[in-house]
């Protein structure tokens, strides 16, 4: 089994206490959280999630890099908006997008890192011609329209391993981020399979049993970094 790689923490905004959002984000600066993740659903491909307006407001008040995950149709409509809001990265849905190569190029030309998200039942071979344009590949553990987030695809970690092997063989820069439906145990298995970005979803923060979000994140990171397999 490969060694657990260095962990990059991505924190979906849904994991924060919305009633204390400003204080929570301020406390996270310097905490080790590498980015704030803003899933944006349009109600067609995925449930309504973070709105563009809220994402713009938050990004303007934090030094933490912001990453837009667009699980929506026509992502080209939002490239300039997120770039103008100072976002560091944008990931688009493979299944909901057309002209993927062009979209990834446009995202990078706008000054952001570019990523592609793929549903759990889509073959990884569909990404072959996109990997060299991608900084991040988001492997969804659940279908985007699964609002419960509990039906995790049984092949998630195997898909992480297969994709890692492809990226390493081709000497590409893309990093792997499993997302949706993860708990601490599955997240650690994904890391061991070759993922390097972990999105700390609400259930993982709750598993951390911390008195504050920052305390819970610290405990989650310690659990994910443990080498003895214990959680």
C-alpha atoms as a PDB file:
ATOM      1  CA  UNK A   1       0.000   0.000   0.000  1.00  0.00           C
ATOM      2  CA  UNK A   2       1.483   3.383  -0.933  1.00  0.00           C
ATOM      3  CA  UNK A   3       2.393   5.844   1.792  1.00  0.00           C
ATOM      4  CA  UNK A   4      -0.101   8.552   2.611  1.00  0.00           C
ATOM      5  CA  UNK A   5       0.924  11.663   0.641  1.00  0.00           C
ATOM      6  CA  UNK A   6       1.040  15.209   1.898  1.00  0.00           C
ATOM      7  CA  UNK A   7      -2.526  16.306   2.559  1.00  0.00           C
ATOM      8  CA  UNK A   8      -4.090  19.436   1.116  1.00  0.00           C
ATOM      9  CA  UNK A   9      -7.243  20.405   3.001  1.00  0.00           C
ATOM     10  CA  UNK A  10     -10.173  21.871   1.099  1.00  0.00           C
ATOM     11  CA  UNK A  11     -13.066  23.086   3.249  1.00  0.00           C
ATOM     12  CA  UNK A  12     -16.555  23.239   1.706  1.00  0.00           C
ATOM     13  CA  UNK A  13     -18.383  26.299   2.997  1.00  0.00           C
ATOM     14  CA  UNK A  14     -21.282  24.049   4.064  1.00  0.00           C
ATOM     15  CA  UNK A  15     -18.986  22.750   6.812  1.00  0.00           C
ATOM     16  CA  UNK A  16     -18.939  26.197   8.443  1.00  0.00           C
ATOM     17  CA  UNK A  17     -21.410  27.649  10.911  1.00  0.00           C
ATOM     18  CA  UNK A  18     -23.341  30.070   8.712  1.00  0.00           C
ATOM     19  CA  UNK A  19     -24.499  32.050  11.730  1.00  0.00           C
ATOM     20  CA  UNK A  20     -20.862  32.781  12.609  1.00  0.00           C
ATOM     21  CA  UNK A  21     -19.461  32.751   9.089  1.00  0.00           C
ATOM     22  CA  UNK A  22     -17.219  35.804   9.374  1.00  0.00           C
ATOM     23  CA  UNK A  23     -15.656  34.657  12.642  1.00  0.00           C
ATOM     24  CA  UNK A  24     -15.243  31.100  11.361  1.00  0.00           C
ATOM     25  CA  UNK A  25     -13.412  32.169   8.201  1.00  0.00           C
ATOM     26  CA  UNK A  26     -11.189  34.588  10.115  1.00  0.00           C
ATOM     27  CA  UNK A  27     -10.221  31.795  12.517  1.00  0.00           C
ATOM     28  CA  UNK A  28      -9.306  29.516   9.613  1.00  0.00           C
ATOM     29  CA  UNK A  29      -6.656  31.838   8.185  1.00  0.00           C
ATOM     30  CA  UNK A  30      -3.303  30.320   9.028  1.00  0.00           C
ATOM     31  CA  UNK A  31      -4.972  27.083  10.176  1.00  0.00           C
ATOM     32  CA  UNK A  32      -3.610  24.861   7.408  1.00  0.00           C
ATOM     33  CA  UNK A  33      -6.811  24.897   5.335  1.00  0.00           C
ATOM     34  CA  UNK A  34      -5.492  25.389   1.809  1.00  0.00           C
ATOM     35  CA  UNK A  35      -8.736  26.517   0.194  1.00  0.00           C
ATOM     36  CA  UNK A  36     -12.414  27.167   0.674  1.00  0.00           C
ATOM     37  CA  UNK A  37     -14.571  25.046  -1.648  1.00  0.00           C
ATOM     38  CA  UNK A  38     -17.773  26.527  -3.071  1.00  0.00           C
ATOM     39  CA  UNK A  39     -20.007  23.856  -4.662  1.00  0.00           C
ATOM     40  CA  UNK A  40     -22.430  25.639  -6.999  1.00  0.00           C
ATOM     41  CA  UNK A  41     -25.466  23.638  -8.116  1.00  0.00           C
ATOM     42  CA  UNK A  42     -28.180  24.912 -10.425  1.00  0.00           C
ATOM     43  CA  UNK A  43     -31.021  22.628  -9.344  1.00  0.00           C
ATOM     44  CA  UNK A  44     -30.816  20.665 -12.603  1.00  0.00           C
ATOM     45  CA  UNK A  45     -27.516  18.784 -12.358  1.00  0.00           C
ATOM     46  CA  UNK A  46     -27.146  19.075  -8.601  1.00  0.00           C
ATOM     47  CA  UNK A  47     -29.237  20.567  -5.785  1.00  0.00           C
ATOM     48  CA  UNK A  48     -28.984  24.300  -5.205  1.00  0.00           C
ATOM     49  CA  UNK A  49     -25.900  24.938  -3.132  1.00  0.00           C
ATOM     50  CA  UNK A  50     -23.687  27.978  -2.684  1.00  0.00           C
ATOM     51  CA  UNK A  51     -24.857  30.900  -4.789  1.00  0.00           C
ATOM     52  CA  UNK A  52     -22.507  32.987  -6.902  1.00  0.00           C
ATOM     53  CA  UNK A  53     -23.347  36.146  -4.952  1.00  0.00           C
ATOM     54  CA  UNK A  54     -22.463  34.583  -1.584  1.00  0.00           C
ATOM     55  CA  UNK A  55     -19.265  33.138  -3.018  1.00  0.00           C
ATOM     56  CA  UNK A  56     -18.248  36.586  -4.288  1.00  0.00           C
ATOM     57  CA  UNK A  57     -18.887  38.179  -0.894  1.00  0.00           C
ATOM     58  CA  UNK A  58     -16.893  35.588   1.019  1.00  0.00           C
ATOM     59  CA  UNK A  59     -13.940  35.598  -1.372  1.00  0.00           C
ATOM     60  CA  UNK A  60     -13.594  39.343  -0.938  1.00  0.00           C
ATOM     61  CA  UNK A  61     -13.118  39.000   2.825  1.00  0.00           C
ATOM     62  CA  UNK A  62     -10.564  36.204   3.184  1.00  0.00           C
ATOM     63  CA  UNK A  63      -6.967  35.505   2.283  1.00  0.00           C
ATOM     64  CA  UNK A  64      -7.717  31.797   1.914  1.00  0.00           C
ATOM     65  CA  UNK A  65      -7.797  30.791  -1.785  1.00  0.00           C
ATOM     66  CA  UNK A  66     -11.304  30.051  -3.034  1.00  0.00           C
ATOM     67  CA  UNK A  67     -12.271  27.209  -5.366  1.00  0.00           C
ATOM     68  CA  UNK A  68     -15.573  27.107  -7.289  1.00  0.00           C
ATOM     69  CA  UNK A  69     -16.960  23.624  -8.014  1.00  0.00           C
ATOM     70  CA  UNK A  70     -19.610  24.142 -10.693  1.00  0.00           C
ATOM     71  CA  UNK A  71     -22.033  21.228 -10.814  1.00  0.00           C
ATOM     72  CA  UNK A  72     -24.218  23.096 -13.252  1.00  0.00           C
ATOM     73  CA  UNK A  73     -24.970  23.596 -16.904  1.00  0.00           C
ATOM     74  CA  UNK A  74     -23.202  26.261 -18.948  1.00  0.00           C
ATOM     75  CA  UNK A  75     -20.213  26.919 -16.660  1.00  0.00           C
ATOM     76  CA  UNK A  76     -18.835  29.313 -19.269  1.00  0.00           C
ATOM     77  CA  UNK A  77     -21.339  31.882 -18.009  1.00  0.00           C
ATOM     78  CA  UNK A  78     -19.546  32.069 -14.658  1.00  0.00           C
ATOM     79  CA  UNK A  79     -15.846  32.042 -15.564  1.00  0.00           C
ATOM     80  CA  UNK A  80     -15.461  35.815 -15.678  1.00  0.00           C
ATOM     81  CA  UNK A  81     -17.564  36.304 -12.538  1.00  0.00           C
ATOM     82  CA  UNK A  82     -15.471  33.984 -10.409  1.00  0.00           C
ATOM     83  CA  UNK A  83     -12.196  35.222 -11.866  1.00  0.00           C
ATOM     84  CA  UNK A  84     -13.295  38.788 -11.166  1.00  0.00           C
ATOM     85  CA  UNK A  85     -14.157  37.800  -7.597  1.00  0.00           C
ATOM     86  CA  UNK A  86     -10.572  36.693  -7.067  1.00  0.00           C
ATOM     87  CA  UNK A  87     -11.157  32.948  -7.073  1.00  0.00           C
ATOM     88  CA  UNK A  88      -8.012  30.859  -7.376  1.00  0.00           C
ATOM     89  CA  UNK A  89      -9.585  27.813  -9.042  1.00  0.00           C
ATOM     90  CA  UNK A  90     -12.657  26.616 -10.899  1.00  0.00           C
ATOM     91  CA  UNK A  91     -13.711  23.025 -11.497  1.00  0.00           C
ATOM     92  CA  UNK A  92     -16.431  22.141 -13.989  1.00  0.00           C
ATOM     93  CA  UNK A  93     -18.602  19.046 -14.306  1.00  0.00           C
ATOM     94  CA  UNK A  94     -17.608  16.691 -17.117  1.00  0.00           C
ATOM     95  CA  UNK A  95     -21.157  15.433 -17.615  1.00  0.00           C
ATOM     96  CA  UNK A  96     -22.787  18.875 -17.509  1.00  0.00           C
ATOM     97  CA  UNK A  97     -20.334  20.619 -19.818  1.00  0.00           C
ATOM     98  CA  UNK A  98     -19.556  20.681 -23.501  1.00  0.00           C
ATOM     99  CA  UNK A  99     -16.320  21.729 -25.186  1.00  0.00           C
ATOM    100  CA  UNK A 100     -14.390  20.687 -22.070  1.00  0.00           C
ATOM    101  CA  UNK A 101     -10.968  21.405 -23.519  1.00  0.00           C
ATOM    102  CA  UNK A 102     -12.029  24.931 -24.455  1.00  0.00           C
ATOM    103  CA  UNK A 103     -13.574  25.549 -21.017  1.00  0.00           C
ATOM    104  CA  UNK A 104     -10.451  24.416 -19.146  1.00  0.00           C
ATOM    105  CA  UNK A 105      -8.321  26.628 -21.377  1.00  0.00           C
ATOM    106  CA  UNK A 106     -10.599  29.615 -20.749  1.00  0.00           C
ATOM    107  CA  UNK A 107     -10.463  29.071 -16.998  1.00  0.00           C
ATOM    108  CA  UNK A 108      -6.665  29.076 -17.043  1.00  0.00           C
ATOM    109  CA  UNK A 109      -6.587  32.134 -19.322  1.00  0.00           C
ATOM    110  CA  UNK A 110      -8.787  33.903 -16.748  1.00  0.00           C
ATOM    111  CA  UNK A 111      -6.039  33.380 -14.181  1.00  0.00           C
ATOM    112  CA  UNK A 112      -7.507  30.434 -12.264  1.00  0.00           C
ATOM    113  CA  UNK A 113      -6.444  26.844 -11.891  1.00  0.00           C
ATOM    114  CA  UNK A 114      -8.734  24.535 -13.847  1.00  0.00           C
ATOM    115  CA  UNK A 115     -10.350  21.297 -12.747  1.00  0.00           C
ATOM    116  CA  UNK A 116     -12.746  18.665 -14.010  1.00  0.00           C
ATOM    117  CA  UNK A 117     -15.286  16.789 -11.857  1.00  0.00           C
ATOM    118  CA  UNK A 118     -16.574  13.390 -12.900  1.00  0.00           C
ATOM    119  CA  UNK A 119     -19.544  11.323 -11.723  1.00  0.00           C
ATOM    120  CA  UNK A 120     -18.856   7.936 -10.098  1.00  0.00           C
ATOM    121  CA  UNK A 121     -20.266   5.937 -13.042  1.00  0.00           C
ATOM    122  CA  UNK A 122     -18.367   7.782 -15.796  1.00  0.00           C
ATOM    123  CA  UNK A 123     -15.357   5.911 -17.163  1.00  0.00           C
ATOM    124  CA  UNK A 124     -11.993   7.487 -16.384  1.00  0.00           C
ATOM    125  CA  UNK A 125     -10.995   6.982 -20.023  1.00  0.00           C
ATOM    126  CA  UNK A 126     -13.308   9.902 -20.832  1.00  0.00           C
ATOM    127  CA  UNK A 127     -10.769  12.177 -19.134  1.00  0.00           C
ATOM    128  CA  UNK A 128      -7.743  11.081 -21.162  1.00  0.00           C
ATOM    129  CA  UNK A 129      -7.603  14.128 -23.407  1.00  0.00           C
ATOM    130  CA  UNK A 130      -8.387  16.544 -20.553  1.00  0.00           C
ATOM    131  CA  UNK A 131      -5.832  15.562 -17.929  1.00  0.00           C
ATOM    132  CA  UNK A 132      -3.022  17.660 -19.394  1.00  0.00           C
ATOM    133  CA  UNK A 133      -5.239  20.756 -19.058  1.00  0.00           C
ATOM    134  CA  UNK A 134      -6.355  19.970 -15.510  1.00  0.00           C
ATOM    135  CA  UNK A 135      -4.843  21.033 -12.217  1.00  0.00           C
ATOM    136  CA  UNK A 136      -7.410  19.041 -10.250  1.00  0.00           C
ATOM    137  CA  UNK A 137      -9.625  16.031 -10.935  1.00  0.00           C
ATOM    138  CA  UNK A 138     -12.587  15.796  -8.585  1.00  0.00           C
ATOM    139  CA  UNK A 139     -13.866  12.227  -8.306  1.00  0.00           C
ATOM    140  CA  UNK A 140     -17.403  12.403  -6.978  1.00  0.00           C
ATOM    141  CA  UNK A 141     -18.265   9.665  -4.515  1.00  0.00           C
ATOM    142  CA  UNK A 142     -22.012  10.183  -4.977  1.00  0.00           C
ATOM    143  CA  UNK A 143     -24.123  11.220  -7.912  1.00  0.00           C
ATOM    144  CA  UNK A 144     -24.590  15.028  -7.859  1.00  0.00           C
ATOM    145  CA  UNK A 145     -28.372  14.717  -7.452  1.00  0.00           C
ATOM    146  CA  UNK A 146     -28.052  12.458  -4.388  1.00  0.00           C
ATOM    147  CA  UNK A 147     -29.037  15.019  -1.754  1.00  0.00           C
ATOM    148  CA  UNK A 148     -28.501  12.543   1.094  1.00  0.00           C
ATOM    149  CA  UNK A 149     -24.821  12.148   0.196  1.00  0.00           C
ATOM    150  CA  UNK A 150     -24.821   8.625   1.641  1.00  0.00           C
ATOM    151  CA  UNK A 151     -24.769   6.385  -1.440  1.00  0.00           C
ATOM    152  CA  UNK A 152     -21.015   6.321  -1.958  1.00  0.00           C
ATOM    153  CA  UNK A 153     -19.835   4.392  -5.009  1.00  0.00           C
ATOM    154  CA  UNK A 154     -18.006   1.244  -3.916  1.00  0.00           C
ATOM    155  CA  UNK A 155     -15.233   1.741  -6.501  1.00  0.00           C
ATOM    156  CA  UNK A 156     -14.216   5.247  -5.368  1.00  0.00           C
ATOM    157  CA  UNK A 157     -10.825   4.296  -3.925  1.00  0.00           C
ATOM    158  CA  UNK A 158     -10.077   1.978  -6.834  1.00  0.00           C
ATOM    159  CA  UNK A 159     -10.840   4.847  -9.210  1.00  0.00           C
ATOM    160  CA  UNK A 160      -8.474   7.072  -7.234  1.00  0.00           C
ATOM    161  CA  UNK A 161      -5.717   4.475  -7.584  1.00  0.00           C
ATOM    162  CA  UNK A 162      -6.296   3.998 -11.318  1.00  0.00           C
ATOM    163  CA  UNK A 163      -6.274   7.739 -11.938  1.00  0.00           C
ATOM    164  CA  UNK A 164      -3.147   8.213  -9.826  1.00  0.00           C
ATOM    165  CA  UNK A 165      -1.339   5.596 -11.916  1.00  0.00           C
ATOM    166  CA  UNK A 166      -2.354   7.360 -15.143  1.00  0.00           C
ATOM    167  CA  UNK A 167      -1.240  10.766 -13.867  1.00  0.00           C
ATOM    168  CA  UNK A 168       2.093   9.427 -12.627  1.00  0.00           C
ATOM    169  CA  UNK A 169       2.771   7.512 -15.848  1.00  0.00           C
ATOM    170  CA  UNK A 170       2.089  10.601 -17.960  1.00  0.00           C
ATOM    171  CA  UNK A 171       3.964  12.869 -15.517  1.00  0.00           C
ATOM    172  CA  UNK A 172       1.046  15.280 -15.254  1.00  0.00           C
ATOM    173  CA  UNK A 173       0.440  17.959 -12.606  1.00  0.00           C
ATOM    174  CA  UNK A 174      -3.216  17.102 -11.872  1.00  0.00           C
ATOM    175  CA  UNK A 175      -4.106  16.393  -8.252  1.00  0.00           C
ATOM    176  CA  UNK A 176      -6.935  14.098  -7.201  1.00  0.00           C
ATOM    177  CA  UNK A 177      -9.740  15.257  -4.905  1.00  0.00           C
ATOM    178  CA  UNK A 178     -12.454  12.764  -3.909  1.00  0.00           C
ATOM    179  CA  UNK A 179     -15.598  14.590  -2.833  1.00  0.00           C
ATOM    180  CA  UNK A 180     -19.160  13.904  -1.715  1.00  0.00           C
ATOM    181  CA  UNK A 181     -20.145  11.273   0.817  1.00  0.00           C
ATOM    182  CA  UNK A 182     -16.754  10.852   2.474  1.00  0.00           C
ATOM    183  CA  UNK A 183     -16.201  10.143   6.155  1.00  0.00           C
ATOM    184  CA  UNK A 184     -12.801  10.044   7.860  1.00  0.00           C
ATOM    185  CA  UNK A 185     -12.262   6.337   7.185  1.00  0.00           C
ATOM    186  CA  UNK A 186     -13.029   6.596   3.467  1.00  0.00           C
ATOM    187  CA  UNK A 187     -10.998   9.803   3.172  1.00  0.00           C
ATOM    188  CA  UNK A 188      -7.947   8.093   4.639  1.00  0.00           C
ATOM    189  CA  UNK A 189      -8.390   5.130   2.280  1.00  0.00           C
ATOM    190  CA  UNK A 190      -8.578   7.560  -0.642  1.00  0.00           C
ATOM    191  CA  UNK A 191      -5.348   9.239   0.502  1.00  0.00           C
ATOM    192  CA  UNK A 192      -3.610   5.887   0.669  1.00  0.00           C
ATOM    193  CA  UNK A 193      -4.884   5.134  -2.849  1.00  0.00           C
ATOM    194  CA  UNK A 194      -3.335   8.329  -4.239  1.00  0.00           C
ATOM    195  CA  UNK A 195      -5.583  11.303  -3.506  1.00  0.00           C
ATOM    196  CA  UNK A 196      -3.851  14.449  -2.265  1.00  0.00           C
ATOM    197  CA  UNK A 197      -6.739  16.895  -1.706  1.00  0.00           C
ATOM    198  CA  UNK A 198      -9.352  16.081   0.913  1.00  0.00           C
ATOM    199  CA  UNK A 199     -12.550  18.092   1.222  1.00  0.00           C
ATOM    200  CA  UNK A 200     -13.612  18.145   4.866  1.00  0.00           C
ATOM    201  CA  UNK A 201     -17.326  17.576   4.524  1.00  0.00           C
ATOM    202  CA  UNK A 202     -19.740  18.320   7.406  1.00  0.00           C
ATOM    203  CA  UNK A 203     -19.875  14.711   8.623  1.00  0.00           C
ATOM    204  CA  UNK A 204     -16.068  14.666   8.877  1.00  0.00           C
ATOM    205  CA  UNK A 205     -16.049  17.854  10.925  1.00  0.00           C
ATOM    206  CA  UNK A 206     -18.642  16.334  13.210  1.00  0.00           C
ATOM    207  CA  UNK A 207     -16.559  13.185  13.523  1.00  0.00           C
ATOM    208  CA  UNK A 208     -13.719  15.399  14.757  1.00  0.00           C
ATOM    209  CA  UNK A 209     -15.763  16.083  17.934  1.00  0.00           C
ATOM    210  CA  UNK A 210     -14.156  19.486  18.409  1.00  0.00           C
ATOM    211  CA  UNK A 211     -15.717  22.304  20.364  1.00  0.00           C
ATOM    212  CA  UNK A 212     -15.023  24.670  17.456  1.00  0.00           C
ATOM    213  CA  UNK A 213     -14.670  24.198  13.704  1.00  0.00           C
ATOM    214  CA  UNK A 214     -10.941  24.911  13.970  1.00  0.00           C
ATOM    215  CA  UNK A 215     -10.510  22.348  16.736  1.00  0.00           C
ATOM    216  CA  UNK A 216     -12.456  19.767  14.728  1.00  0.00           C
ATOM    217  CA  UNK A 217     -10.324  20.424  11.626  1.00  0.00           C
ATOM    218  CA  UNK A 218      -7.144  19.951  13.662  1.00  0.00           C
ATOM    219  CA  UNK A 219      -8.409  16.606  14.949  1.00  0.00           C
ATOM    220  CA  UNK A 220      -9.464  15.509  11.456  1.00  0.00           C
ATOM    221  CA  UNK A 221      -6.024  16.349  10.055  1.00  0.00           C
ATOM    222  CA  UNK A 222      -4.331  14.394  12.844  1.00  0.00           C
ATOM    223  CA  UNK A 223      -6.540  11.384  12.118  1.00  0.00           C
ATOM    224  CA  UNK A 224      -5.899  11.565   8.376  1.00  0.00           C
ATOM    225  CA  UNK A 225      -2.149  11.934   8.911  1.00  0.00           C
ATOM    226  CA  UNK A 226      -1.846   8.995  11.314  1.00  0.00           C
ATOM    227  CA  UNK A 227       0.327   6.206   9.916  1.00  0.00           C
ATOM    228  CA  UNK A 228      -0.995   3.379  12.097  1.00  0.00           C
ATOM    229  CA  UNK A 229      -4.361   3.229  10.353  1.00  0.00           C
ATOM    230  CA  UNK A 230      -6.172   4.296  13.499  1.00  0.00           C
ATOM    231  CA  UNK A 231      -8.965   6.851  13.350  1.00  0.00           C
END
